[in-house]
């Protein structure tokens, strides 16, 4: 499984720019930045990203990174169980 992690350029003021750069270093991840992901209320309120289309949000950028990694690990475990 190759996770797709999407970031909104308008959310970078919440510190997601650093997280995005860090995740881009992993060749097993597809990391993308868009001008808008269409979640404006969420974008204004807190750091967030999409992992395989699912919103992952947190109170700060460091917590967001931990939640993204956790979700990727959960997805990988699910794929392992399903044999895909």
N, C-alpha and C. Protein backbone atom coordinates (compact mmCIF):
# COMPACT_ATOMS: atom_id res chain seq x y z
N UNK A 1 0.84 -1.18 0.00
CA UNK A 1 0.00 0.00 0.00
C UNK A 1 0.88 1.24 0.00
N UNK A 2 0.56 2.15 -0.85
CA UNK A 2 1.29 3.42 -0.94
C UNK A 2 0.32 4.53 -0.54
N UNK A 3 0.42 5.06 0.68
CA UNK A 3 -0.54 6.07 1.12
C UNK A 3 -0.38 7.39 0.37
N UNK A 4 -1.52 8.03 0.18
CA UNK A 4 -1.55 9.36 -0.43
C UNK A 4 -1.87 10.35 0.69
N UNK A 5 -0.97 11.29 0.91
CA UNK A 5 -1.12 12.29 1.96
C UNK A 5 -1.25 13.66 1.28
N UNK A 6 -2.38 14.31 1.51
CA UNK A 6 -2.67 15.57 0.83
C UNK A 6 -2.73 16.72 1.84
N UNK A 7 -2.13 17.83 1.46
CA UNK A 7 -2.10 19.02 2.30
C UNK A 7 -2.71 20.20 1.54
N UNK A 8 -3.32 21.10 2.30
CA UNK A 8 -3.89 22.33 1.75
C UNK A 8 -2.88 23.46 1.94
N UNK A 9 -2.57 24.18 0.88
CA UNK A 9 -1.62 25.29 0.96
C UNK A 9 -2.11 26.35 1.94
N UNK A 10 -3.41 26.51 2.07
CA UNK A 10 -3.96 27.51 2.98
C UNK A 10 -3.81 27.11 4.44
N UNK A 11 -3.47 25.86 4.72
CA UNK A 11 -3.32 25.37 6.08
C UNK A 11 -1.88 25.43 6.56
N UNK A 12 -0.98 25.86 5.72
CA UNK A 12 0.44 25.87 6.06
C UNK A 12 0.76 26.78 7.25
N UNK A 13 -0.10 27.78 7.51
CA UNK A 13 0.13 28.67 8.65
C UNK A 13 0.01 27.92 9.98
N UNK A 14 -0.55 26.73 9.96
CA UNK A 14 -0.67 25.90 11.16
C UNK A 14 0.54 24.99 11.37
N UNK A 15 1.57 25.14 10.55
CA UNK A 15 2.78 24.34 10.72
C UNK A 15 2.81 23.08 9.86
N UNK A 16 1.82 22.90 9.03
CA UNK A 16 1.79 21.68 8.21
C UNK A 16 2.86 21.68 7.12
N UNK A 17 3.43 22.85 6.83
CA UNK A 17 4.50 22.91 5.83
C UNK A 17 5.70 22.08 6.26
N UNK A 18 6.04 22.12 7.53
CA UNK A 18 7.18 21.35 8.05
C UNK A 18 6.88 19.85 8.01
N UNK A 19 5.66 19.50 8.35
CA UNK A 19 5.27 18.09 8.32
C UNK A 19 5.29 17.57 6.89
N UNK A 20 4.78 18.36 5.97
CA UNK A 20 4.76 17.95 4.57
C UNK A 20 6.17 17.68 4.08
N UNK A 21 7.09 18.57 4.38
CA UNK A 21 8.49 18.39 3.94
C UNK A 21 9.10 17.13 4.56
N UNK A 22 8.77 16.88 5.81
CA UNK A 22 9.29 15.70 6.48
C UNK A 22 8.73 14.41 5.84
N UNK A 23 7.45 14.39 5.56
CA UNK A 23 6.84 13.20 4.96
C UNK A 23 7.31 12.98 3.52
N UNK A 24 7.64 14.07 2.82
CA UNK A 24 8.14 13.95 1.45
C UNK A 24 9.46 13.18 1.38
N UNK A 25 10.17 13.12 2.48
CA UNK A 25 11.45 12.41 2.52
C UNK A 25 11.27 10.89 2.44
N UNK A 26 10.08 10.41 2.74
CA UNK A 26 9.81 8.98 2.70
C UNK A 26 9.38 8.59 1.29
N UNK A 27 10.18 7.78 0.60
CA UNK A 27 9.84 7.41 -0.78
C UNK A 27 8.62 6.49 -0.89
N UNK A 28 8.13 5.98 0.23
CA UNK A 28 6.96 5.10 0.21
C UNK A 28 5.64 5.87 0.30
N UNK A 29 5.71 7.20 0.45
CA UNK A 29 4.52 8.02 0.56
C UNK A 29 4.37 8.90 -0.67
N UNK A 30 3.14 9.09 -1.10
CA UNK A 30 2.83 10.09 -2.13
C UNK A 30 2.29 11.31 -1.39
N UNK A 31 3.07 12.37 -1.37
CA UNK A 31 2.69 13.59 -0.65
C UNK A 31 2.38 14.67 -1.68
N UNK A 32 1.20 15.28 -1.54
CA UNK A 32 0.75 16.29 -2.49
C UNK A 32 0.26 17.53 -1.77
N UNK A 33 0.45 18.66 -2.41
CA UNK A 33 -0.06 19.93 -1.89
C UNK A 33 -1.02 20.52 -2.91
N UNK A 34 -2.16 20.97 -2.42
CA UNK A 34 -3.16 21.60 -3.28
C UNK A 34 -3.44 23.00 -2.76
N UNK A 35 -3.90 23.86 -3.62
CA UNK A 35 -4.26 25.21 -3.22
C UNK A 35 -5.43 25.21 -2.26
N UNK A 36 -6.34 24.26 -2.43
CA UNK A 36 -7.51 24.15 -1.56
C UNK A 36 -8.02 22.71 -1.61
N UNK A 37 -8.34 22.18 -0.44
CA UNK A 37 -8.92 20.84 -0.37
C UNK A 37 -10.42 20.90 -0.08
N UNK A 38 -10.98 22.11 0.01
CA UNK A 38 -12.42 22.26 0.17
C UNK A 38 -12.92 22.04 1.60
N UNK A 39 -12.04 22.10 2.57
CA UNK A 39 -12.42 21.94 3.98
C UNK A 39 -12.08 23.23 4.73
N UNK A 40 -12.62 24.33 4.27
CA UNK A 40 -12.20 25.65 4.74
C UNK A 40 -12.38 25.87 6.23
N UNK A 41 -13.49 25.42 6.81
CA UNK A 41 -13.70 25.59 8.24
C UNK A 41 -12.64 24.84 9.03
N UNK A 42 -12.38 23.61 8.64
CA UNK A 42 -11.35 22.80 9.30
C UNK A 42 -9.98 23.44 9.10
N UNK A 43 -9.73 23.89 7.92
CA UNK A 43 -8.44 24.48 7.57
C UNK A 43 -8.15 25.71 8.44
N UNK A 44 -9.17 26.48 8.70
CA UNK A 44 -9.02 27.69 9.51
C UNK A 44 -8.75 27.36 10.97
N UNK A 45 -9.35 26.28 11.46
CA UNK A 45 -9.34 25.97 12.89
C UNK A 45 -8.13 25.19 13.39
N UNK A 46 -7.59 24.28 12.57
CA UNK A 46 -6.56 23.39 13.09
C UNK A 46 -5.73 22.78 11.96
N UNK A 47 -4.55 22.26 12.30
CA UNK A 47 -3.75 21.57 11.29
C UNK A 47 -4.46 20.27 10.88
N UNK A 48 -4.47 20.01 9.59
CA UNK A 48 -5.07 18.77 9.11
C UNK A 48 -4.44 18.37 7.78
N UNK A 49 -4.67 17.13 7.43
CA UNK A 49 -4.26 16.58 6.13
C UNK A 49 -5.24 15.47 5.79
N UNK A 50 -5.20 15.05 4.55
CA UNK A 50 -5.98 13.89 4.13
C UNK A 50 -5.03 12.72 3.95
N UNK A 51 -5.39 11.58 4.51
CA UNK A 51 -4.63 10.34 4.30
C UNK A 51 -5.57 9.39 3.59
N UNK A 52 -5.25 9.11 2.34
CA UNK A 52 -6.13 8.29 1.48
C UNK A 52 -7.56 8.81 1.51
N UNK A 53 -7.70 10.13 1.49
CA UNK A 53 -9.01 10.77 1.42
C UNK A 53 -9.69 10.99 2.76
N UNK A 54 -9.12 10.51 3.85
CA UNK A 54 -9.70 10.64 5.19
C UNK A 54 -9.06 11.82 5.91
N UNK A 55 -9.89 12.68 6.50
CA UNK A 55 -9.37 13.83 7.24
C UNK A 55 -8.70 13.36 8.53
N UNK A 56 -7.47 13.79 8.71
CA UNK A 56 -6.73 13.57 9.95
C UNK A 56 -6.40 14.96 10.49
N UNK A 57 -6.85 15.26 11.70
CA UNK A 57 -6.66 16.59 12.28
C UNK A 57 -6.07 16.45 13.68
N UNK A 58 -5.48 17.53 14.16
CA UNK A 58 -4.89 17.54 15.49
C UNK A 58 -4.84 18.96 16.02
N UNK A 59 -4.49 19.08 17.30
CA UNK A 59 -4.43 20.40 17.92
C UNK A 59 -3.17 21.17 17.55
N UNK A 60 -2.11 20.46 17.14
CA UNK A 60 -0.88 21.13 16.70
C UNK A 60 -0.18 20.26 15.65
N UNK A 61 0.83 20.83 15.02
CA UNK A 61 1.50 20.15 13.90
C UNK A 61 2.19 18.86 14.33
N UNK A 62 2.84 18.86 15.48
CA UNK A 62 3.52 17.65 15.93
C UNK A 62 2.54 16.51 16.18
N UNK A 63 1.41 16.83 16.78
CA UNK A 63 0.38 15.82 17.01
C UNK A 63 -0.19 15.32 15.69
N UNK A 64 -0.31 16.22 14.73
CA UNK A 64 -0.80 15.82 13.41
C UNK A 64 0.14 14.81 12.77
N UNK A 65 1.42 15.05 12.83
CA UNK A 65 2.38 14.11 12.27
C UNK A 65 2.23 12.74 12.92
N UNK A 66 2.10 12.70 14.23
CA UNK A 66 1.94 11.43 14.94
C UNK A 66 0.66 10.72 14.50
N UNK A 67 -0.42 11.47 14.32
CA UNK A 67 -1.69 10.87 13.90
C UNK A 67 -1.63 10.37 12.46
N UNK A 68 -0.93 11.09 11.61
CA UNK A 68 -0.77 10.64 10.22
C UNK A 68 -0.01 9.32 10.18
N UNK A 69 1.10 9.25 10.91
CA UNK A 69 1.90 8.03 10.95
C UNK A 69 1.08 6.88 11.53
N UNK A 70 0.33 7.16 12.59
CA UNK A 70 -0.51 6.13 13.21
C UNK A 70 -1.54 5.61 12.22
N UNK A 71 -2.18 6.51 11.49
CA UNK A 71 -3.21 6.08 10.53
C UNK A 71 -2.60 5.26 9.40
N UNK A 72 -1.43 5.65 8.93
CA UNK A 72 -0.75 4.88 7.87
C UNK A 72 -0.43 3.47 8.38
N UNK A 73 0.05 3.37 9.62
CA UNK A 73 0.34 2.06 10.19
C UNK A 73 -0.92 1.21 10.31
N UNK A 74 -2.03 1.83 10.70
CA UNK A 74 -3.30 1.10 10.78
C UNK A 74 -3.74 0.60 9.40
N UNK A 75 -3.60 1.45 8.41
CA UNK A 75 -3.98 1.05 7.05
C UNK A 75 -3.09 -0.08 6.53
N UNK A 76 -1.79 0.01 6.81
CA UNK A 76 -0.88 -1.04 6.37
C UNK A 76 -1.21 -2.36 7.05
N UNK A 77 -1.55 -2.32 8.34
CA UNK A 77 -1.93 -3.54 9.06
C UNK A 77 -3.20 -4.14 8.46
N UNK A 78 -4.15 -3.29 8.10
CA UNK A 78 -5.39 -3.76 7.50
C UNK A 78 -5.12 -4.41 6.15
N UNK A 79 -4.25 -3.81 5.35
CA UNK A 79 -3.91 -4.38 4.06
C UNK A 79 -3.19 -5.72 4.22
N UNK A 80 -2.35 -5.82 5.25
CA UNK A 80 -1.66 -7.09 5.52
C UNK A 80 -2.64 -8.19 5.87
N UNK A 81 -3.65 -7.86 6.68
CA UNK A 81 -4.65 -8.84 7.08
C UNK A 81 -5.48 -9.28 5.87
N UNK A 82 -5.80 -8.33 5.03
CA UNK A 82 -6.61 -8.63 3.86
C UNK A 82 -5.80 -9.25 2.72
N UNK A 83 -4.49 -9.22 2.85
CA UNK A 83 -3.64 -9.83 1.84
C UNK A 83 -3.57 -9.04 0.54
N UNK A 84 -3.74 -7.75 0.64
CA UNK A 84 -3.70 -6.92 -0.58
C UNK A 84 -2.40 -6.19 -0.69
